[in-house]
Amino acid sequence: MKLVKWAPVVGAVVLVLSGLGAGTASAGTSGTNGCAYLSAFNQAAHVQQICGASGTYHFDIWGTNYSRRSLGNHTYSGLTLNKYPAVPVADGGNVCIELWYHKPGGGYESRGLPCDSMN
């Protein structure tokens, strides 16, 4: 009977905790998240932009013991964009990228945040 008493409380806590990240970009694991794709291997990464409005974007990349840096601005016009940056992260380390859209009125908007383990 005691478990029945706690079930609504536990359910409410799970519901509240599951909504804490709502409205922010959250990292996906290997593959696609939003309009960004990442695959990390051999101390390099295959980075793609696969969708989005036409305009200016940039990728940030970082990983285990590797500081966040930008891969530079690029223009997206509907065609898949590929980049292959070197990423000095040991096998098993985590690598993440974030795709940023440069809003025409100023500022940035995240358009994808995938992560992968270096193989």
PDB file of N, CA and C in Angstrom:
ATOM      1  N   MET A   1       0.810  -1.193   0.000  1.00  0.00           N
ATOM      2  CA  MET A   1       0.000   0.000   0.000  1.00  0.00           C
ATOM      3  C   MET A   1       0.854   1.258   0.000  1.00  0.00           C
ATOM      4  N   LYS A   2       2.016   1.225   0.609  1.00  0.00           N
ATOM      5  CA  LYS A   2       2.869   2.402   0.681  1.00  0.00           C
ATOM      6  C   LYS A   2       3.332   2.820  -0.714  1.00  0.00           C
ATOM      7  N   LEU A   3       3.597   1.861  -1.598  1.00  0.00           N
ATOM      8  CA  LEU A   3       4.017   2.193  -2.961  1.00  0.00           C
ATOM      9  C   LEU A   3       2.924   2.956  -3.698  1.00  0.00           C
ATOM     10  N   VAL A   4       1.685   2.594  -3.482  1.00  0.00           N
ATOM     11  CA  VAL A   4       0.576   3.269  -4.136  1.00  0.00           C
ATOM     12  C   VAL A   4       0.515   4.729  -3.706  1.00  0.00           C
ATOM     13  N   LYS A   5       0.810   5.016  -2.433  1.00  0.00           N
ATOM     14  CA  LYS A   5       0.804   6.388  -1.936  1.00  0.00           C
ATOM     15  C   LYS A   5       1.875   7.232  -2.622  1.00  0.00           C
ATOM     16  N   TRP A   6       3.042   6.651  -2.885  1.00  0.00           N
ATOM     17  CA  TRP A   6       4.166   7.397  -3.461  1.00  0.00           C
ATOM     18  C   TRP A   6       4.091   7.510  -4.981  1.00  0.00           C
ATOM     19  N   ALA A   7       3.343   6.682  -5.649  1.00  0.00           N
ATOM     20  CA  ALA A   7       3.297   6.679  -7.114  1.00  0.00           C
ATOM     21  C   ALA A   7       2.959   8.046  -7.703  1.00  0.00           C
ATOM     22  N   PRO A   8       1.943   8.780  -7.211  1.00  0.00           N
ATOM     23  CA  PRO A   8       1.657  10.095  -7.781  1.00  0.00           C
ATOM     24  C   PRO A   8       2.791  11.091  -7.556  1.00  0.00           C
ATOM     25  N   VAL A   9       3.458  11.012  -6.412  1.00  0.00           N
ATOM     26  CA  VAL A   9       4.562  11.926  -6.111  1.00  0.00           C
ATOM     27  C   VAL A   9       5.728  11.664  -7.047  1.00  0.00           C
ATOM     28  N   VAL A  10       6.102  10.395  -7.196  1.00  0.00           N
ATOM     29  CA  VAL A  10       7.197  10.030  -8.091  1.00  0.00           C
ATOM     30  C   VAL A  10       6.854  10.427  -9.515  1.00  0.00           C
ATOM     31  N   GLY A  11       5.657  10.174  -9.943  1.00  0.00           N
ATOM     32  CA  GLY A  11       5.226  10.553 -11.291  1.00  0.00           C
ATOM     33  C   GLY A  11       5.320  12.050 -11.523  1.00  0.00           C
ATOM     34  N   ALA A  12       4.941  12.844 -10.543  1.00  0.00           N
ATOM     35  CA  ALA A  12       5.008  14.305 -10.661  1.00  0.00           C
ATOM     36  C   ALA A  12       6.450  14.776 -10.749  1.00  0.00           C
ATOM     37  N   VAL A  13       7.342  14.177  -9.948  1.00  0.00           N
ATOM     38  CA  VAL A  13       8.759  14.550  -9.978  1.00  0.00           C
ATOM     39  C   VAL A  13       9.352  14.233 -11.343  1.00  0.00           C
ATOM     40  N   VAL A  14       9.076  13.066 -11.893  1.00  0.00           N
ATOM     41  CA  VAL A  14       9.576  12.695 -13.218  1.00  0.00           C
ATOM     42  C   VAL A  14       9.060  13.664 -14.265  1.00  0.00           C
ATOM     43  N   LEU A  15       7.808  14.035 -14.200  1.00  0.00           N
ATOM     44  CA  LEU A  15       7.212  14.960 -15.159  1.00  0.00           C
ATOM     45  C   LEU A  15       7.885  16.326 -15.092  1.00  0.00           C
ATOM     46  N   VAL A  16       8.129  16.829 -13.900  1.00  0.00           N
ATOM     47  CA  VAL A  16       8.784  18.129 -13.733  1.00  0.00           C
ATOM     48  C   VAL A  16      10.213  18.066 -14.252  1.00  0.00           C
ATOM     49  N   LEU A  17      10.972  17.044 -13.885  1.00  0.00           N
ATOM     50  CA  LEU A  17      12.359  16.932 -14.322  1.00  0.00           C
ATOM     51  C   LEU A  17      12.466  16.772 -15.831  1.00  0.00           C
ATOM     52  N   SER A  18      11.540  16.070 -16.459  1.00  0.00           N
ATOM     53  CA  SER A  18      11.615  15.874 -17.908  1.00  0.00           C
ATOM     54  C   SER A  18      11.378  17.170 -18.670  1.00  0.00           C
ATOM     55  N   GLY A  19      10.753  18.157 -18.071  1.00  0.00           N
ATOM     56  CA  GLY A  19      10.487  19.416 -18.751  1.00  0.00           C
ATOM     57  C   GLY A  19      11.516  20.499 -18.486  1.00  0.00           C
ATOM     58  N   LEU A  20      12.536  20.206 -17.669  1.00  0.00           N
ATOM     59  CA  LEU A  20      13.511  21.230 -17.322  1.00  0.00           C
ATOM     60  C   LEU A  20      14.288  21.747 -18.515  1.00  0.00           C
ATOM     61  N   GLY A  21      14.556  20.913 -19.520  1.00  0.00           N
ATOM     62  CA  GLY A  21      15.342  21.354 -20.660  1.00  0.00           C
ATOM     63  C   GLY A  21      14.501  21.888 -21.800  1.00  0.00           C
ATOM     64  N   ALA A  22      13.218  21.975 -21.650  1.00  0.00           N
ATOM     65  CA  ALA A  22      12.347  22.414 -22.734  1.00  0.00           C
ATOM     66  C   ALA A  22      12.709  23.825 -23.175  1.00  0.00           C
ATOM     67  N   GLY A  23      12.733  24.030 -24.484  1.00  0.00           N
ATOM     68  CA  GLY A  23      12.993  25.348 -25.023  1.00  0.00           C
ATOM     69  C   GLY A  23      14.460  25.636 -25.273  1.00  0.00           C
ATOM     70  N   THR A  24      15.363  24.730 -24.913  1.00  0.00           N
ATOM     71  CA  THR A  24      16.775  24.920 -25.181  1.00  0.00           C
ATOM     72  C   THR A  24      17.265  23.797 -26.078  1.00  0.00           C
ATOM     73  N   ALA A  25      18.358  24.064 -26.795  1.00  0.00           N
ATOM     74  CA  ALA A  25      18.936  23.010 -27.621  1.00  0.00           C
ATOM     75  C   ALA A  25      19.502  21.944 -26.704  1.00  0.00           C
ATOM     76  N   SER A  26      19.218  20.703 -26.995  1.00  0.00           N
ATOM     77  CA  SER A  26      19.798  19.628 -26.209  1.00  0.00           C
ATOM     78  C   SER A  26      20.583  18.722 -27.146  1.00  0.00           C
ATOM     79  N   ALA A  27      21.675  18.210 -26.648  1.00  0.00           N
ATOM     80  CA  ALA A  27      22.573  17.417 -27.483  1.00  0.00           C
ATOM     81  C   ALA A  27      21.948  16.081 -27.841  1.00  0.00           C
ATOM     82  N   GLY A  28      22.104  15.709 -29.077  1.00  0.00           N
ATOM     83  CA  GLY A  28      21.732  14.382 -29.541  1.00  0.00           C
ATOM     84  C   GLY A  28      23.011  13.568 -29.667  1.00  0.00           C
ATOM     85  N   THR A  29      22.913  12.272 -29.710  1.00  0.00           N
ATOM     86  CA  THR A  29      24.109  11.462 -29.867  1.00  0.00           C
ATOM     87  C   THR A  29      24.252  11.029 -31.310  1.00  0.00           C
ATOM     88  N   SER A  30      25.491  10.850 -31.730  1.00  0.00           N
ATOM     89  CA  SER A  30      25.928  10.543 -33.085  1.00  0.00           C
ATOM     90  C   SER A  30      24.824  10.540 -34.117  1.00  0.00           C
ATOM     91  N   GLY A  31      25.029  11.307 -35.133  1.00  0.00           N
ATOM     92  CA  GLY A  31      24.058  11.425 -36.197  1.00  0.00           C
ATOM     93  C   GLY A  31      23.524  12.833 -36.282  1.00  0.00           C
ATOM     94  N   THR A  32      22.228  12.932 -36.513  1.00  0.00           N
ATOM     95  CA  THR A  32      21.620  14.222 -36.788  1.00  0.00           C
ATOM     96  C   THR A  32      20.880  14.766 -35.575  1.00  0.00           C
ATOM     97  N   ASN A  33      21.011  16.073 -35.367  1.00  0.00           N
ATOM     98  CA  ASN A  33      20.219  16.796 -34.380  1.00  0.00           C
ATOM     99  C   ASN A  33      19.877  18.123 -35.030  1.00  0.00           C
ATOM    100  N   GLY A  34      18.613  18.398 -35.230  1.00  0.00           N
ATOM    101  CA  GLY A  34      18.209  19.603 -35.950  1.00  0.00           C
ATOM    102  C   GLY A  34      18.722  19.528 -37.383  1.00  0.00           C
ATOM    103  N   CYS A  35      19.449  20.549 -37.815  1.00  0.00           N
ATOM    104  CA  CYS A  35      19.998  20.594 -39.177  1.00  0.00           C
ATOM    105  C   CYS A  35      21.477  20.243 -39.211  1.00  0.00           C
ATOM    106  N   ALA A  36      22.029  19.730 -38.113  1.00  0.00           N
ATOM    107  CA  ALA A  36      23.451  19.407 -38.034  1.00  0.00           C
ATOM    108  C   ALA A  36      23.662  17.905 -37.926  1.00  0.00           C
ATOM    109  N   TYR A  37      24.735  17.422 -38.583  1.00  0.00           N
ATOM    110  CA  TYR A  37      25.123  16.017 -38.538  1.00  0.00           C
ATOM    111  C   TYR A  37      26.574  15.939 -38.101  1.00  0.00           C
ATOM    112  N   LEU A  38      26.908  14.955 -37.267  1.00  0.00           N
ATOM    113  CA  LEU A  38      28.280  14.759 -36.791  1.00  0.00           C
ATOM    114  C   LEU A  38      28.614  13.282 -36.723  1.00  0.00           C
ATOM    115  N   SER A  39      29.807  12.954 -37.189  1.00  0.00           N
ATOM    116  CA  SER A  39      30.380  11.635 -36.997  1.00  0.00           C
ATOM    117  C   SER A  39      31.858  11.839 -36.695  1.00  0.00           C
ATOM    118  N   ALA A  40      32.334  11.382 -35.521  1.00  0.00           N
ATOM    119  CA  ALA A  40      33.718  11.587 -35.096  1.00  0.00           C
ATOM    120  C   ALA A  40      34.506  10.290 -35.231  1.00  0.00           C
ATOM    121  N   PHE A  41      35.682  10.365 -35.876  1.00  0.00           N
ATOM    122  CA  PHE A  41      36.508   9.179 -36.090  1.00  0.00           C
ATOM    123  C   PHE A  41      37.942   9.603 -36.429  1.00  0.00           C
ATOM    124  N   ASN A  42      38.923   8.799 -36.009  1.00  0.00           N
ATOM    125  CA  ASN A  42      40.339   9.012 -36.335  1.00  0.00           C
ATOM    126  C   ASN A  42      40.804  10.447 -36.074  1.00  0.00           C
ATOM    127  N   GLN A  43      40.452  11.023 -34.949  1.00  0.00           N
ATOM    128  CA  GLN A  43      40.810  12.379 -34.550  1.00  0.00           C
ATOM    129  C   GLN A  43      40.391  13.429 -35.578  1.00  0.00           C
ATOM    130  N   ALA A  44      39.270  13.160 -36.242  1.00  0.00           N
ATOM    131  CA  ALA A  44      38.658  14.100 -37.188  1.00  0.00           C
ATOM    132  C   ALA A  44      37.144  13.990 -37.034  1.00  0.00           C
ATOM    133  N   ALA A  45      36.437  14.863 -37.711  1.00  0.00           N
ATOM    134  CA  ALA A  45      34.975  14.838 -37.654  1.00  0.00           C
ATOM    135  C   ALA A  45      34.413  15.058 -39.049  1.00  0.00           C
ATOM    136  N   HIS A  46      33.314  14.404 -39.331  1.00  0.00           N
ATOM    137  CA  HIS A  46      32.531  14.687 -40.530  1.00  0.00           C
ATOM    138  C   HIS A  46      31.357  15.514 -40.044  1.00  0.00           C
ATOM    139  N   VAL A  47      31.321  16.784 -40.461  1.00  0.00           N
ATOM    140  CA  VAL A  47      30.325  17.746 -40.017  1.00  0.00           C
ATOM    141  C   VAL A  47      29.506  18.164 -41.229  1.00  0.00           C
ATOM    142  N   GLN A  48      28.185  18.140 -41.104  1.00  0.00           N
ATOM    143  CA  GLN A  48      27.311  18.546 -42.206  1.00  0.00           C
ATOM    144  C   GLN A  48      26.203  19.465 -41.721  1.00  0.00           C
ATOM    145  N   GLN A  49      25.827  20.387 -42.603  1.00  0.00           N
ATOM    146  CA  GLN A  49      24.564  21.106 -42.447  1.00  0.00           C
ATOM    147  C   GLN A  49      23.655  20.525 -43.503  1.00  0.00           C
ATOM    148  N   ILE A  50      22.486  20.019 -43.090  1.00  0.00           N
ATOM    149  CA  ILE A  50      21.613  19.299 -44.012  1.00  0.00           C
ATOM    150  C   ILE A  50      20.276  19.984 -44.267  1.00  0.00           C
ATOM    151  N   CYS A  51      20.000  21.096 -43.574  1.00  0.00           N
ATOM    152  CA  CYS A  51      18.755  21.817 -43.800  1.00  0.00           C
ATOM    153  C   CYS A  51      18.883  23.225 -43.237  1.00  0.00           C
ATOM    154  N   GLY A  52      17.860  24.029 -43.412  1.00  0.00           N
ATOM    155  CA  GLY A  52      17.843  25.371 -42.848  1.00  0.00           C
ATOM    156  C   GLY A  52      17.463  26.420 -43.879  1.00  0.00           C
ATOM    157  N   ALA A  53      17.121  27.589 -43.388  1.00  0.00           N
ATOM    158  CA  ALA A  53      16.809  28.724 -44.252  1.00  0.00           C
ATOM    159  C   ALA A  53      18.101  29.199 -44.907  1.00  0.00           C
ATOM    160  N   SER A  54      17.995  29.751 -46.099  1.00  0.00           N
ATOM    161  CA  SER A  54      19.172  30.330 -46.742  1.00  0.00           C
ATOM    162  C   SER A  54      19.704  31.455 -45.872  1.00  0.00           C
ATOM    163  N   GLY A  55      21.016  31.507 -45.734  1.00  0.00           N
ATOM    164  CA  GLY A  55      21.619  32.560 -44.928  1.00  0.00           C
ATOM    165  C   GLY A  55      22.987  32.185 -44.434  1.00  0.00           C
ATOM    166  N   THR A  56      23.475  32.970 -43.472  1.00  0.00           N
ATOM    167  CA  THR A  56      24.808  32.774 -42.912  1.00  0.00           C
ATOM    168  C   THR A  56      24.719  31.949 -41.634  1.00  0.00           C
ATOM    169  N   TYR A  57      25.654  31.018 -41.486  1.00  0.00           N
ATOM    170  CA  TYR A  57      25.731  30.107 -40.347  1.00  0.00           C
ATOM    171  C   TYR A  57      27.186  29.941 -39.939  1.00  0.00           C
ATOM    172  N   HIS A  58      27.395  29.339 -38.771  1.00  0.00           N
ATOM    173  CA  HIS A  58      28.714  28.824 -38.404  1.00  0.00           C
ATOM    174  C   HIS A  58      28.536  27.648 -37.452  1.00  0.00           C
ATOM    175  N   PHE A  59      29.536  26.761 -37.443  1.00  0.00           N
ATOM    176  CA  PHE A  59      29.586  25.647 -36.507  1.00  0.00           C
ATOM    177  C   PHE A  59      30.577  25.972 -35.404  1.00  0.00           C
ATOM    178  N   ASP A  60      30.232  25.625 -34.171  1.00  0.00           N
ATOM    179  CA  ASP A  60      31.197  25.562 -33.074  1.00  0.00           C
ATOM    180  C   ASP A  60      31.474  24.085 -32.860  1.00  0.00           C
ATOM    181  N   ILE A  61      32.723  23.753 -32.493  1.00  0.00           N
ATOM    182  CA  ILE A  61      33.099  22.369 -32.225  1.00  0.00           C
ATOM    183  C   ILE A  61      33.940  22.330 -30.958  1.00  0.00           C
ATOM    184  N   TRP A  62      33.760  21.299 -30.139  1.00  0.00           N
ATOM    185  CA  TRP A  62      34.522  21.121 -28.914  1.00  0.00           C
ATOM    186  C   TRP A  62      34.454  19.668 -28.500  1.00  0.00           C
ATOM    187  N   GLY A  63      35.295  19.289 -27.534  1.00  0.00           N
ATOM    188  CA  GLY A  63      35.290  17.912 -27.076  1.00  0.00           C
ATOM    189  C   GLY A  63      36.073  17.747 -25.792  1.00  0.00           C
ATOM    190  N   THR A  64      36.233  16.502 -25.380  1.00  0.00           N
ATOM    191  CA  THR A  64      36.971  16.173 -24.178  1.00  0.00           C
ATOM    192  C   THR A  64      38.384  16.733 -24.294  1.00  0.00           C
ATOM    193  N   ASN A  65      38.761  17.613 -23.372  1.00  0.00           N
ATOM    194  CA  ASN A  65      40.075  18.276 -23.371  1.00  0.00           C
ATOM    195  C   ASN A  65      40.354  19.060 -24.650  1.00  0.00           C
ATOM    196  N   TYR A  66      39.314  19.538 -25.299  1.00  0.00           N
ATOM    197  CA  TYR A  66      39.451  20.317 -26.534  1.00  0.00           C
ATOM    198  C   TYR A  66      38.486  21.494 -26.441  1.00  0.00           C
ATOM    199  N   SER A  67      39.013  22.706 -26.381  1.00  0.00           N
ATOM    200  CA  SER A  67      38.203  23.904 -26.171  1.00  0.00           C
ATOM    201  C   SER A  67      37.311  24.221 -27.360  1.00  0.00           C
ATOM    202  N   ARG A  68      36.175  24.837 -27.062  1.00  0.00           N
ATOM    203  CA  ARG A  68      35.206  25.236 -28.083  1.00  0.00           C
ATOM    204  C   ARG A  68      35.843  26.243 -29.040  1.00  0.00           C
ATOM    205  N   ARG A  69      35.644  26.027 -30.345  1.00  0.00           N
ATOM    206  CA  ARG A  69      36.115  26.968 -31.355  1.00  0.00           C
ATOM    207  C   ARG A  69      35.141  26.980 -32.521  1.00  0.00           C
ATOM    208  N   SER A  70      35.213  28.017 -33.324  1.00  0.00           N
ATOM    209  CA  SER A  70      34.333  28.154 -34.479  1.00  0.00           C
ATOM    210  C   SER A  70      35.009  27.578 -35.714  1.00  0.00           C
ATOM    211  N   LEU A  71      34.218  26.985 -36.596  1.00  0.00           N
ATOM    212  CA  LEU A  71      34.739  26.513 -37.887  1.00  0.00           C
ATOM    213  C   LEU A  71      34.614  27.597 -38.953  1.00  0.00           C
ATOM    214  N   GLY A  72      34.231  28.805 -38.567  1.00  0.00           N
ATOM    215  CA  GLY A  72      34.124  29.924 -39.506  1.00  0.00           C
ATOM    216  C   GLY A  72      32.748  30.018 -40.136  1.00  0.00           C
ATOM    217  N   ASN A  73      32.425  31.204 -40.625  1.00  0.00           N
ATOM    218  CA  ASN A  73      31.115  31.451 -41.238  1.00  0.00           C
ATOM    219  C   ASN A  73      31.008  30.774 -42.592  1.00  0.00           C
ATOM    220  N   HIS A  74      29.792  30.378 -42.936  1.00  0.00           N
ATOM    221  CA  HIS A  74      29.500  29.845 -44.272  1.00  0.00           C
ATOM    222  C   HIS A  74      28.084  30.265 -44.660  1.00  0.00           C
ATOM    223  N   THR A  75      27.819  30.246 -45.951  1.00  0.00           N
ATOM    224  CA  THR A  75      26.484  30.558 -46.467  1.00  0.00           C
ATOM    225  C   THR A  75      25.814  29.257 -46.868  1.00  0.00           C
ATOM    226  N   TYR A  76      24.591  29.062 -46.403  1.00  0.00           N
ATOM    227  CA  TYR A  76      23.811  27.880 -46.751  1.00  0.00           C
ATOM    228  C   TYR A  76      22.718  28.296 -47.719  1.00  0.00           C
ATOM    229  N   SER A  77      22.613  27.564 -48.837  1.00  0.00           N
ATOM    230  CA  SER A  77      21.594  27.896 -49.847  1.00  0.00           C
ATOM    231  C   SER A  77      20.777  26.677 -50.256  1.00  0.00           C
ATOM    232  N   GLY A  78      20.692  25.679 -49.375  1.00  0.00           N
ATOM    233  CA  GLY A  78      19.863  24.521 -49.655  1.00  0.00           C
ATOM    234  C   GLY A  78      20.623  23.263 -50.016  1.00  0.00           C
ATOM    235  N   LEU A  79      21.905  23.367 -50.315  1.00  0.00           N
ATOM    236  CA  LEU A  79      22.717  22.195 -50.633  1.00  0.00           C
ATOM    237  C   LEU A  79      23.464  21.739 -49.382  1.00  0.00           C
ATOM    238  N   THR A  80      23.606  20.424 -49.200  1.00  0.00           N
ATOM    239  CA  THR A  80      24.324  19.900 -48.036  1.00  0.00           C
ATOM    240  C   THR A  80      25.739  20.445 -48.011  1.00  0.00           C
ATOM    241  N   LEU A  81      26.148  20.959 -46.871  1.00  0.00           N
ATOM    242  CA  LEU A  81      27.487  21.496 -46.676  1.00  0.00           C
ATOM    243  C   LEU A  81      28.298  20.495 -45.866  1.00  0.00           C
ATOM    244  N   ASN A  82      29.503  20.162 -46.315  1.00  0.00           N
ATOM    245  CA  ASN A  82      30.388  19.224 -45.626  1.00  0.00           C
ATOM    246  C   ASN A  82      31.649  19.921 -45.159  1.00  0.00           C
ATOM    247  N   LYS A  83      32.093  19.591 -43.953  1.00  0.00           N
ATOM    248  CA  LYS A  83      33.385  20.042 -43.424  1.00  0.00           C
ATOM    249  C   LYS A  83      34.027  18.843 -42.744  1.00  0.00           C
ATOM    250  N   TYR A  84      35.375  18.813 -42.748  1.00  0.00           N
ATOM    251  CA  TYR A  84      36.122  17.706 -42.162  1.00  0.00           C
ATOM    252  C   TYR A  84      37.250  18.237 -41.277  1.00  0.00           C
ATOM    253  N   PRO A  85      36.929  18.864 -40.145  1.00  0.00           N
ATOM    254  CA  PRO A  85      37.983  19.414 -39.296  1.00  0.00           C
ATOM    255  C   PRO A  85      38.718  18.336 -38.494  1.00  0.00           C
ATOM    256  N   ALA A  86      40.008  18.581 -38.239  1.00  0.00           N
ATOM    257  CA  ALA A  86      40.769  17.735 -37.319  1.00  0.00           C
ATOM    258  C   ALA A  86      40.271  18.016 -35.905  1.00  0.00           C
ATOM    259  N   VAL A  87      40.134  16.969 -35.109  1.00  0.00           N
ATOM    260  CA  VAL A  87      39.660  17.112 -33.729  1.00  0.00           C
ATOM    261  C   VAL A  87      40.558  16.245 -32.839  1.00  0.00           C
ATOM    262  N   PRO A  88      41.523  16.864 -32.133  1.00  0.00           N
ATOM    263  CA  PRO A  88      42.459  16.084 -31.325  1.00  0.00           C
ATOM    264  C   PRO A  88      41.853  15.579 -30.017  1.00  0.00           C
ATOM    265  N   VAL A  89      40.903  14.655 -30.150  1.00  0.00           N
ATOM    266  CA  VAL A  89      40.238  14.049 -28.996  1.00  0.00           C
ATOM    267  C   VAL A  89      40.538  12.550 -29.038  1.00  0.00           C
ATOM    268  N   ALA A  90      41.002  12.003 -27.928  1.00  0.00           N
ATOM    269  CA  ALA A  90      41.351  10.583 -27.851  1.00  0.00           C
ATOM    270  C   ALA A  90      40.122   9.703 -28.067  1.00  0.00           C
ATOM    271  N   ASP A  91      40.352   8.478 -28.541  1.00  0.00           N
ATOM    272  CA  ASP A  91      39.263   7.513 -28.721  1.00  0.00           C
ATOM    273  C   ASP A  91      38.470   7.382 -27.425  1.00  0.00           C
ATOM    274  N   GLY A  92      37.158   7.382 -27.564  1.00  0.00           N
ATOM    275  CA  GLY A  92      36.259   7.291 -26.422  1.00  0.00           C
ATOM    276  C   GLY A  92      35.866   8.641 -25.863  1.00  0.00           C
ATOM    277  N   GLY A  93      36.609   9.702 -26.237  1.00  0.00           N
ATOM    278  CA  GLY A  93      36.275  11.051 -25.783  1.00  0.00           C
ATOM    279  C   GLY A  93      35.044  11.574 -26.502  1.00  0.00           C
ATOM    280  N   ASN A  94      34.419  12.573 -25.933  1.00  0.00           N
ATOM    281  CA  ASN A  94      33.201  13.147 -26.486  1.00  0.00           C
ATOM    282  C   ASN A  94      33.529  14.326 -27.407  1.00  0.00           C
ATOM    283  N   VAL A  95      32.817  14.428 -28.527  1.00  0.00           N
ATOM    284  CA  VAL A  95      32.929  15.552 -29.460  1.00  0.00           C
ATOM    285  C   VAL A  95      31.523  16.075 -29.713  1.00  0.00           C
ATOM    286  N   CYS A  96      31.355  17.396 -29.710  1.00  0.00           N
ATOM    287  CA  CYS A  96      30.060  18.016 -29.987  1.00  0.00           C
ATOM    288  C   CYS A  96      30.247  19.144 -30.992  1.00  0.00           C
ATOM    289  N   ILE A  97      29.207  19.389 -31.765  1.00  0.00           N
ATOM    290  CA  ILE A  97      29.152  20.561 -32.632  1.00  0.00           C
ATOM    291  C   ILE A  97      27.827  21.263 -32.372  1.00  0.00           C
ATOM    292  N   GLU A  98      27.800  22.554 -32.638  1.00  0.00           N
ATOM    293  CA  GLU A  98      26.543  23.289 -32.591  1.00  0.00           C
ATOM    294  C   GLU A  98      26.486  24.170 -33.825  1.00  0.00           C
ATOM    295  N   LEU A  99      25.365  24.100 -34.536  1.00  0.00           N
ATOM    296  CA  LEU A  99      25.140  24.899 -35.733  1.00  0.00           C
ATOM    297  C   LEU A  99      24.394  26.165 -35.332  1.00  0.00           C
ATOM    298  N   TRP A 100      24.956  27.325 -35.693  1.00  0.00           N
ATOM    299  CA  TRP A 100      24.367  28.619 -35.340  1.00  0.00           C
ATOM    300  C   TRP A 100      23.929  29.361 -36.596  1.00  0.00           C
ATOM    301  N   TYR A 101      22.667  29.772 -36.623  1.00  0.00           N
ATOM    302  CA  TYR A 101      22.110  30.602 -37.691  1.00  0.00           C
ATOM    303  C   TYR A 101      22.309  32.058 -37.294  1.00  0.00           C
ATOM    304  N   HIS A 102      22.818  32.863 -38.228  1.00  0.00           N
ATOM    305  CA  HIS A 102      22.995  34.296 -37.988  1.00  0.00           C
ATOM    306  C   HIS A 102      21.693  34.987 -38.394  1.00  0.00           C
ATOM    307  N   LYS A 103      20.900  35.380 -37.412  1.00  0.00           N
ATOM    308  CA  LYS A 103      19.594  35.976 -37.694  1.00  0.00           C
ATOM    309  C   LYS A 103      19.771  37.316 -38.410  1.00  0.00           C
ATOM    310  N   PRO A 104      18.955  37.586 -39.449  1.00  0.00           N
ATOM    311  CA  PRO A 104      19.093  38.820 -40.223  1.00  0.00           C
ATOM    312  C   PRO A 104      19.012  40.093 -39.372  1.00  0.00           C
ATOM    313  N   GLY A 105      18.236  40.080 -38.309  1.00  0.00           N
ATOM    314  CA  GLY A 105      18.104  41.256 -37.450  1.00  0.00           C
ATOM    315  C   GLY A 105      19.171  41.340 -36.371  1.00  0.00           C
ATOM    316  N   GLY A 106      20.083  40.379 -36.358  1.00  0.00           N
ATOM    317  CA  GLY A 106      21.137  40.332 -35.346  1.00  0.00           C
ATOM    318  C   GLY A 106      20.957  39.156 -34.411  1.00  0.00           C
ATOM    319  N   GLY A 107      22.018  38.706 -33.864  1.00  0.00           N
ATOM    320  CA  GLY A 107      22.001  37.591 -32.929  1.00  0.00           C
ATOM    321  C   GLY A 107      22.118  36.249 -33.640  1.00  0.00           C
ATOM    322  N   TYR A 108      22.089  35.197 -32.842  1.00  0.00           N
ATOM    323  CA  TYR A 108      22.257  33.836 -33.333  1.00  0.00           C
ATOM    324  C   TYR A 108      21.127  32.949 -32.820  1.00  0.00           C
ATOM    325  N   GLU A 109      20.881  31.857 -33.541  1.00  0.00           N
ATOM    326  CA  GLU A 109      19.882  30.872 -33.121  1.00  0.00           C
ATOM    327  C   GLU A 109      20.458  29.487 -33.364  1.00  0.00           C
ATOM    328  N   SER A 110      20.445  28.629 -32.342  1.00  0.00           N
ATOM    329  CA  SER A 110      20.968  27.270 -32.480  1.00  0.00           C
ATOM    330  C   SER A 110      20.056  26.459 -33.397  1.00  0.00           C
ATOM    331  N   ARG A 111      20.660  25.747 -34.342  1.00  0.00           N
ATOM    332  CA  ARG A 111      19.905  24.921 -35.280  1.00  0.00           C
ATOM    333  C   ARG A 111      20.313  23.462 -35.244  1.00  0.00           C
ATOM    334  N   GLY A 112      20.997  23.039 -34.178  1.00  0.00           N
ATOM    335  CA  GLY A 112      21.353  21.639 -34.031  1.00  0.00           C
ATOM    336  C   GLY A 112      22.559  21.471 -33.123  1.00  0.00           C
ATOM    337  N   LEU A 113      22.549  20.405 -32.321  1.00  0.00           N
ATOM    338  CA  LEU A 113      23.624  20.157 -31.350  1.00  0.00           C
ATOM    339  C   LEU A 113      23.845  18.665 -31.187  1.00  0.00           C
ATOM    340  N   PRO A 114      24.452  17.989 -32.189  1.00  0.00           N
ATOM    341  CA  PRO A 114      24.757  16.563 -32.013  1.00  0.00           C
ATOM    342  C   PRO A 114      26.115  16.357 -31.344  1.00  0.00           C
ATOM    343  N   CYS A 115      26.268  15.236 -30.666  1.00  0.00           N
ATOM    344  CA  CYS A 115      27.533  14.820 -30.052  1.00  0.00           C
ATOM    345  C   CYS A 115      27.817  13.380 -30.454  1.00  0.00           C
ATOM    346  N   ASP A 116      29.095  12.994 -30.392  1.00  0.00           N
ATOM    347  CA  ASP A 116      29.490  11.643 -30.761  1.00  0.00           C
ATOM    348  C   ASP A 116      30.732  11.268 -29.952  1.00  0.00           C
ATOM    349  N   SER A 117      30.966   9.987 -29.776  1.00  0.00           N
ATOM    350  CA  SER A 117      32.189   9.508 -29.158  1.00  0.00           C
ATOM    351  C   SER A 117      33.220   9.278 -30.251  1.00  0.00           C
ATOM    352  N   MET A 118      34.449   9.735 -29.996  1.00  0.00           N
ATOM    353  CA  MET A 118      35.519   9.539 -30.973  1.00  0.00           C
ATOM    354  C   MET A 118      35.830   8.065 -31.107  1.00  0.00           C
ATOM    355  N   ASN A 119      35.918   7.578 -32.333  1.00  0.00           N
ATOM    356  CA  ASN A 119      36.264   6.168 -32.615  1.00  0.00           C
ATOM    357  C   ASN A 119      37.640   6.087 -33.213  1.00  0.00           C
TER     358      ASN A 119
END
